[in-house]
Amino acid sequence: MVLERIYVKPQSGADSQQRLRVDLVAGMGIEGDRYFGVADEPSVNVTLIEAEAIEDFLRLHQLPYDLSITGRNLVTRGVRLNAWVGREFHVGQVRLRGVELADPCAVLGQAVVQTFSTAAAAKGLMPSDVVRHFVQRGGLRAEVLFGGEIRVGDPLLEGF
């Protein structure tokens, strides 16, 4: 169970930027991300998704490899995130709590189709196909309980 990728979007509508390390602040989220300190959902500071779910989608639709397509912040490998709703876990030395599943929505579907616009059109890929694929596989929304730096390659461990 490992942290495979880290992505931030400095502002809404911007492309995801891949990072090798970021700082997480308790109750605030990822420094430099568009949702850092946003008060409308104070218990949701960061989103996670399984690399395997994204890879399955890309393989199924024969699309180029891109783990940033869902807009989630942290891409994990080797862990079933659905089981971590309501549980505390660590990414490296940072402690988080799974709040709820990050269910897919029409905005996600449209964003993915736009990312692969030419290929998606050629394959007849619709936003609803994206949403359907990521139901129960869209990741986890989490709260940062104790912050610090995380890095690509950090282990993910349940509990504290």
C-alpha atoms as a PDB file:
ATOM      1  CA  MET A   1       0.000   0.000   0.000  1.00  0.00           C
ATOM      2  CA  VAL A   2       1.748   3.070  -1.293  1.00  0.00           C
ATOM      3  CA  LEU A   3       1.217   6.641  -2.422  1.00  0.00           C
ATOM      4  CA  GLU A   4       1.848   6.493  -6.171  1.00  0.00           C
ATOM      5  CA  ARG A   5       1.088  10.054  -7.327  1.00  0.00           C
ATOM      6  CA  ILE A   6       0.279  13.480  -5.897  1.00  0.00           C
ATOM      7  CA  TYR A   7      -1.717  16.089  -7.825  1.00  0.00           C
ATOM      8  CA  VAL A   8      -2.786  19.636  -7.005  1.00  0.00           C
ATOM      9  CA  LYS A   9      -4.769  22.206  -8.934  1.00  0.00           C
ATOM     10  CA  PRO A  10      -3.773  25.736  -7.918  1.00  0.00           C
ATOM     11  CA  GLN A  11      -7.135  27.132  -9.080  1.00  0.00           C
ATOM     12  CA  SER A  12     -10.445  25.861 -10.407  1.00  0.00           C
ATOM     13  CA  GLY A  13     -10.298  25.001 -14.078  1.00  0.00           C
ATOM     14  CA  ALA A  14      -6.510  24.610 -14.045  1.00  0.00           C
ATOM     15  CA  ASP A  15      -4.790  21.408 -15.121  1.00  0.00           C
ATOM     16  CA  SER A  16      -3.611  19.029 -12.415  1.00  0.00           C
ATOM     17  CA  GLN A  17       0.032  19.495 -11.510  1.00  0.00           C
ATOM     18  CA  GLN A  18       1.985  16.438 -10.451  1.00  0.00           C
ATOM     19  CA  ARG A  19       4.174  16.877  -7.363  1.00  0.00           C
ATOM     20  CA  LEU A  20       6.745  14.654  -5.701  1.00  0.00           C
ATOM     21  CA  ARG A  21       5.959  16.085  -2.260  1.00  0.00           C
ATOM     22  CA  VAL A  22       3.389  18.370  -0.639  1.00  0.00           C
ATOM     23  CA  ASP A  23       2.590  19.728   2.796  1.00  0.00           C
ATOM     24  CA  LEU A  24      -0.754  18.863   4.377  1.00  0.00           C
ATOM     25  CA  VAL A  25      -2.161  21.090   7.102  1.00  0.00           C
ATOM     26  CA  ALA A  26      -4.636  19.757   9.673  1.00  0.00           C
ATOM     27  CA  GLY A  27      -8.172  20.907   8.930  1.00  0.00           C
ATOM     28  CA  MET A  28      -7.004  22.829   5.834  1.00  0.00           C
ATOM     29  CA  GLY A  29      -5.780  20.364   3.191  1.00  0.00           C
ATOM     30  CA  ILE A  30      -2.891  20.539   0.732  1.00  0.00           C
ATOM     31  CA  GLU A  31      -0.924  23.765   0.605  1.00  0.00           C
ATOM     32  CA  GLY A  32      -1.174  25.184  -2.904  1.00  0.00           C
ATOM     33  CA  ASP A  33      -4.377  23.338  -3.847  1.00  0.00           C
ATOM     34  CA  ARG A  34      -7.522  25.213  -4.872  1.00  0.00           C
ATOM     35  CA  TYR A  35      -9.460  23.751  -1.946  1.00  0.00           C
ATOM     36  CA  PHE A  36      -6.865  24.611   0.719  1.00  0.00           C
ATOM     37  CA  GLY A  37      -8.743  26.092   3.693  1.00  0.00           C
ATOM     38  CA  VAL A  38     -12.119  26.181   1.907  1.00  0.00           C
ATOM     39  CA  ALA A  39     -14.667  26.439   4.697  1.00  0.00           C
ATOM     40  CA  ASP A  40     -17.756  25.048   2.932  1.00  0.00           C
ATOM     41  CA  GLU A  41     -16.679  21.452   3.610  1.00  0.00           C
ATOM     42  CA  PRO A  42     -14.243  21.697   6.521  1.00  0.00           C
ATOM     43  CA  SER A  43     -14.063  17.944   7.157  1.00  0.00           C
ATOM     44  CA  VAL A  44     -13.027  17.172   3.574  1.00  0.00           C
ATOM     45  CA  ASN A  45      -9.495  18.385   2.877  1.00  0.00           C
ATOM     46  CA  VAL A  46      -8.064  15.886   0.401  1.00  0.00           C
ATOM     47  CA  THR A  47      -9.248  13.238  -2.073  1.00  0.00           C
ATOM     48  CA  LEU A  48      -7.712   9.838  -2.790  1.00  0.00           C
ATOM     49  CA  ILE A  49      -8.287   7.292  -5.547  1.00  0.00           C
ATOM     50  CA  GLU A  50      -6.894   3.865  -6.397  1.00  0.00           C
ATOM     51  CA  ALA A  51      -4.521   3.739  -9.387  1.00  0.00           C
ATOM     52  CA  GLU A  52      -6.052   0.382 -10.281  1.00  0.00           C
ATOM     53  CA  ALA A  53      -9.522   1.941 -10.810  1.00  0.00           C
ATOM     54  CA  ILE A  54      -8.108   4.550 -13.187  1.00  0.00           C
ATOM     55  CA  GLU A  55      -5.972   1.991 -15.027  1.00  0.00           C
ATOM     56  CA  ASP A  56      -8.993  -0.300 -15.501  1.00  0.00           C
ATOM     57  CA  PHE A  57     -10.930   2.586 -17.067  1.00  0.00           C
ATOM     58  CA  LEU A  58      -8.060   3.572 -19.380  1.00  0.00           C
ATOM     59  CA  ARG A  59      -7.494  -0.037 -20.466  1.00  0.00           C
ATOM     60  CA  LEU A  60     -11.211  -0.680 -21.033  1.00  0.00           C
ATOM     61  CA  HIS A  61     -11.514   2.365 -23.289  1.00  0.00           C
ATOM     62  CA  GLN A  62      -8.031   2.055 -24.827  1.00  0.00           C
ATOM     63  CA  LEU A  63      -7.024   5.556 -23.728  1.00  0.00           C
ATOM     64  CA  PRO A  64      -3.539   6.966 -23.069  1.00  0.00           C
ATOM     65  CA  TYR A  65      -2.075   6.401 -19.604  1.00  0.00           C
ATOM     66  CA  ASP A  66      -2.894   9.378 -17.360  1.00  0.00           C
ATOM     67  CA  LEU A  67      -3.493   8.941 -13.616  1.00  0.00           C
ATOM     68  CA  SER A  68      -4.514  12.603 -13.214  1.00  0.00           C
ATOM     69  CA  ILE A  69      -7.817  12.310 -15.110  1.00  0.00           C
ATOM     70  CA  THR A  70     -10.110  12.115 -12.061  1.00  0.00           C
ATOM     71  CA  GLY A  71      -8.779  15.284 -10.435  1.00  0.00           C
ATOM     72  CA  ARG A  72      -8.202  13.450  -7.145  1.00  0.00           C
ATOM     73  CA  ASN A  73      -5.220  14.632  -5.085  1.00  0.00           C
ATOM     74  CA  LEU A  74      -3.610  11.370  -4.031  1.00  0.00           C
ATOM     75  CA  VAL A  75      -3.366   8.251  -6.179  1.00  0.00           C
ATOM     76  CA  THR A  76      -2.775   5.074  -4.174  1.00  0.00           C
ATOM     77  CA  ARG A  77      -1.789   1.534  -5.076  1.00  0.00           C
ATOM     78  CA  GLY A  78      -2.616  -1.702  -3.281  1.00  0.00           C
ATOM     79  CA  VAL A  79      -5.375  -0.492  -0.953  1.00  0.00           C
ATOM     80  CA  ARG A  80      -9.184  -0.686  -1.059  1.00  0.00           C
ATOM     81  CA  LEU A  81     -10.088   2.858  -0.066  1.00  0.00           C
ATOM     82  CA  ASN A  82     -13.823   2.145   0.318  1.00  0.00           C
ATOM     83  CA  ALA A  83     -13.017   0.231   3.501  1.00  0.00           C
ATOM     84  CA  TRP A  84     -11.469   3.341   5.049  1.00  0.00           C
ATOM     85  CA  VAL A  85     -14.655   5.410   5.332  1.00  0.00           C
ATOM     86  CA  GLY A  86     -14.898   6.429   9.005  1.00  0.00           C
ATOM     87  CA  ARG A  87     -11.399   5.110   9.757  1.00  0.00           C
ATOM     88  CA  GLU A  88      -8.117   6.798  10.520  1.00  0.00           C
ATOM     89  CA  PHE A  89      -5.037   6.067   8.449  1.00  0.00           C
ATOM     90  CA  HIS A  90      -1.565   7.375   7.711  1.00  0.00           C
ATOM     91  CA  VAL A  91       0.099   8.518   4.513  1.00  0.00           C
ATOM     92  CA  GLY A  92       3.719   8.607   5.604  1.00  0.00           C
ATOM     93  CA  GLN A  93       3.646  10.499   8.908  1.00  0.00           C
ATOM     94  CA  VAL A  94       0.413  12.388   8.153  1.00  0.00           C
ATOM     95  CA  ARG A  95      -2.774  11.189   9.845  1.00  0.00           C
ATOM     96  CA  LEU A  96      -6.100  11.353   8.027  1.00  0.00           C
ATOM     97  CA  ARG A  97      -9.663  10.151   8.524  1.00  0.00           C
ATOM     98  CA  GLY A  98     -11.806   8.818   5.694  1.00  0.00           C
ATOM     99  CA  VAL A  99     -14.991  10.890   5.629  1.00  0.00           C
ATOM    100  CA  GLU A 100     -17.003   9.586   2.666  1.00  0.00           C
ATOM    101  CA  LEU A 101     -16.720   8.004  -0.741  1.00  0.00           C
ATOM    102  CA  ALA A 102     -15.865  10.423  -3.548  1.00  0.00           C
ATOM    103  CA  ASP A 103     -18.735   9.400  -5.781  1.00  0.00           C
ATOM    104  CA  PRO A 104     -18.380  10.377  -9.435  1.00  0.00           C
ATOM    105  CA  CYS A 105     -20.571  13.113 -10.897  1.00  0.00           C
ATOM    106  CA  ALA A 106     -21.403  14.600 -14.287  1.00  0.00           C
ATOM    107  CA  VAL A 107     -18.608  17.182 -13.865  1.00  0.00           C
ATOM    108  CA  LEU A 108     -16.045  14.366 -13.555  1.00  0.00           C
ATOM    109  CA  GLY A 109     -17.528  12.591 -16.559  1.00  0.00           C
ATOM    110  CA  GLN A 110     -17.389  15.707 -18.698  1.00  0.00           C
ATOM    111  CA  ALA A 111     -13.832  16.550 -17.597  1.00  0.00           C
ATOM    112  CA  VAL A 112     -12.539  13.074 -18.489  1.00  0.00           C
ATOM    113  CA  VAL A 113     -14.251  13.102 -21.886  1.00  0.00           C
ATOM    114  CA  GLN A 114     -12.766  16.551 -22.596  1.00  0.00           C
ATOM    115  CA  THR A 115      -9.297  15.337 -21.565  1.00  0.00           C
ATOM    116  CA  PHE A 116      -9.467  12.665 -24.260  1.00  0.00           C
ATOM    117  CA  SER A 117     -11.687  14.629 -26.642  1.00  0.00           C
ATOM    118  CA  THR A 118     -10.437  13.182 -29.937  1.00  0.00           C
ATOM    119  CA  ALA A 119     -10.065   9.612 -28.692  1.00  0.00           C
ATOM    120  CA  ALA A 120     -13.323   9.802 -26.719  1.00  0.00           C
ATOM    121  CA  ALA A 121     -15.263  11.023 -29.739  1.00  0.00           C
ATOM    122  CA  ALA A 122     -13.791   8.287 -31.924  1.00  0.00           C
ATOM    123  CA  LYS A 123     -14.799   5.641 -29.374  1.00  0.00           C
ATOM    124  CA  GLY A 124     -18.206   7.143 -28.591  1.00  0.00           C
ATOM    125  CA  LEU A 125     -17.211   7.690 -24.939  1.00  0.00           C
ATOM    126  CA  MET A 126     -19.819   9.705 -23.062  1.00  0.00           C
ATOM    127  CA  PRO A 127     -19.645  11.394 -19.631  1.00  0.00           C
ATOM    128  CA  SER A 128     -22.210   8.875 -18.369  1.00  0.00           C
ATOM    129  CA  ASP A 129     -19.780   6.043 -19.264  1.00  0.00           C
ATOM    130  CA  VAL A 130     -17.155   7.661 -17.028  1.00  0.00           C
ATOM    131  CA  VAL A 131     -19.578   8.117 -14.139  1.00  0.00           C
ATOM    132  CA  ARG A 132     -20.856   4.551 -14.470  1.00  0.00           C
ATOM    133  CA  HIS A 133     -17.305   3.154 -14.372  1.00  0.00           C
ATOM    134  CA  PHE A 134     -16.302   5.068 -11.233  1.00  0.00           C
ATOM    135  CA  VAL A 135     -19.410   4.337  -9.122  1.00  0.00           C
ATOM    136  CA  GLN A 136     -18.055   2.755  -5.920  1.00  0.00           C
ATOM    137  CA  ARG A 137     -14.529   3.265  -7.377  1.00  0.00           C
ATOM    138  CA  GLY A 138     -14.319   7.060  -7.361  1.00  0.00           C
ATOM    139  CA  GLY A 139     -12.108   7.269  -4.311  1.00  0.00           C
ATOM    140  CA  LEU A 140     -12.259   8.651  -0.810  1.00  0.00           C
ATOM    141  CA  ARG A 141     -12.688  12.115   0.656  1.00  0.00           C
ATOM    142  CA  ALA A 142     -10.604  12.587   3.778  1.00  0.00           C
ATOM    143  CA  GLU A 143      -9.859  15.022   6.572  1.00  0.00           C
ATOM    144  CA  VAL A 144      -6.293  15.874   7.577  1.00  0.00           C
ATOM    145  CA  LEU A 145      -6.063  15.275  11.346  1.00  0.00           C
ATOM    146  CA  PHE A 146      -2.316  15.783  11.868  1.00  0.00           C
ATOM    147  CA  GLY A 147      -0.397  17.425   9.049  1.00  0.00           C
ATOM    148  CA  GLY A 148       3.102  17.293   7.675  1.00  0.00           C
ATOM    149  CA  GLU A 149       4.924  16.475   4.489  1.00  0.00           C
ATOM    150  CA  ILE A 150       4.016  13.528   2.289  1.00  0.00           C
ATOM    151  CA  ARG A 151       6.012  12.182  -0.638  1.00  0.00           C
ATOM    152  CA  VAL A 152       5.411   9.878  -3.564  1.00  0.00           C
ATOM    153  CA  GLY A 153       6.372   6.393  -2.353  1.00  0.00           C
ATOM    154  CA  ASP A 154       5.165   6.929   1.230  1.00  0.00           C
ATOM    155  CA  PRO A 155       3.386   3.929   2.740  1.00  0.00           C
ATOM    156  CA  LEU A 156      -0.331   3.966   3.542  1.00  0.00           C
ATOM    157  CA  LEU A 157      -1.230   2.337   6.830  1.00  0.00           C
ATOM    158  CA  GLU A 158      -4.599   1.935   8.479  1.00  0.00           C
ATOM    159  CA  GLY A 159      -4.909   2.944  12.123  1.00  0.00           C
ATOM    160  CA  PHE A 160      -2.566   4.957  14.288  1.00  0.00           C
END
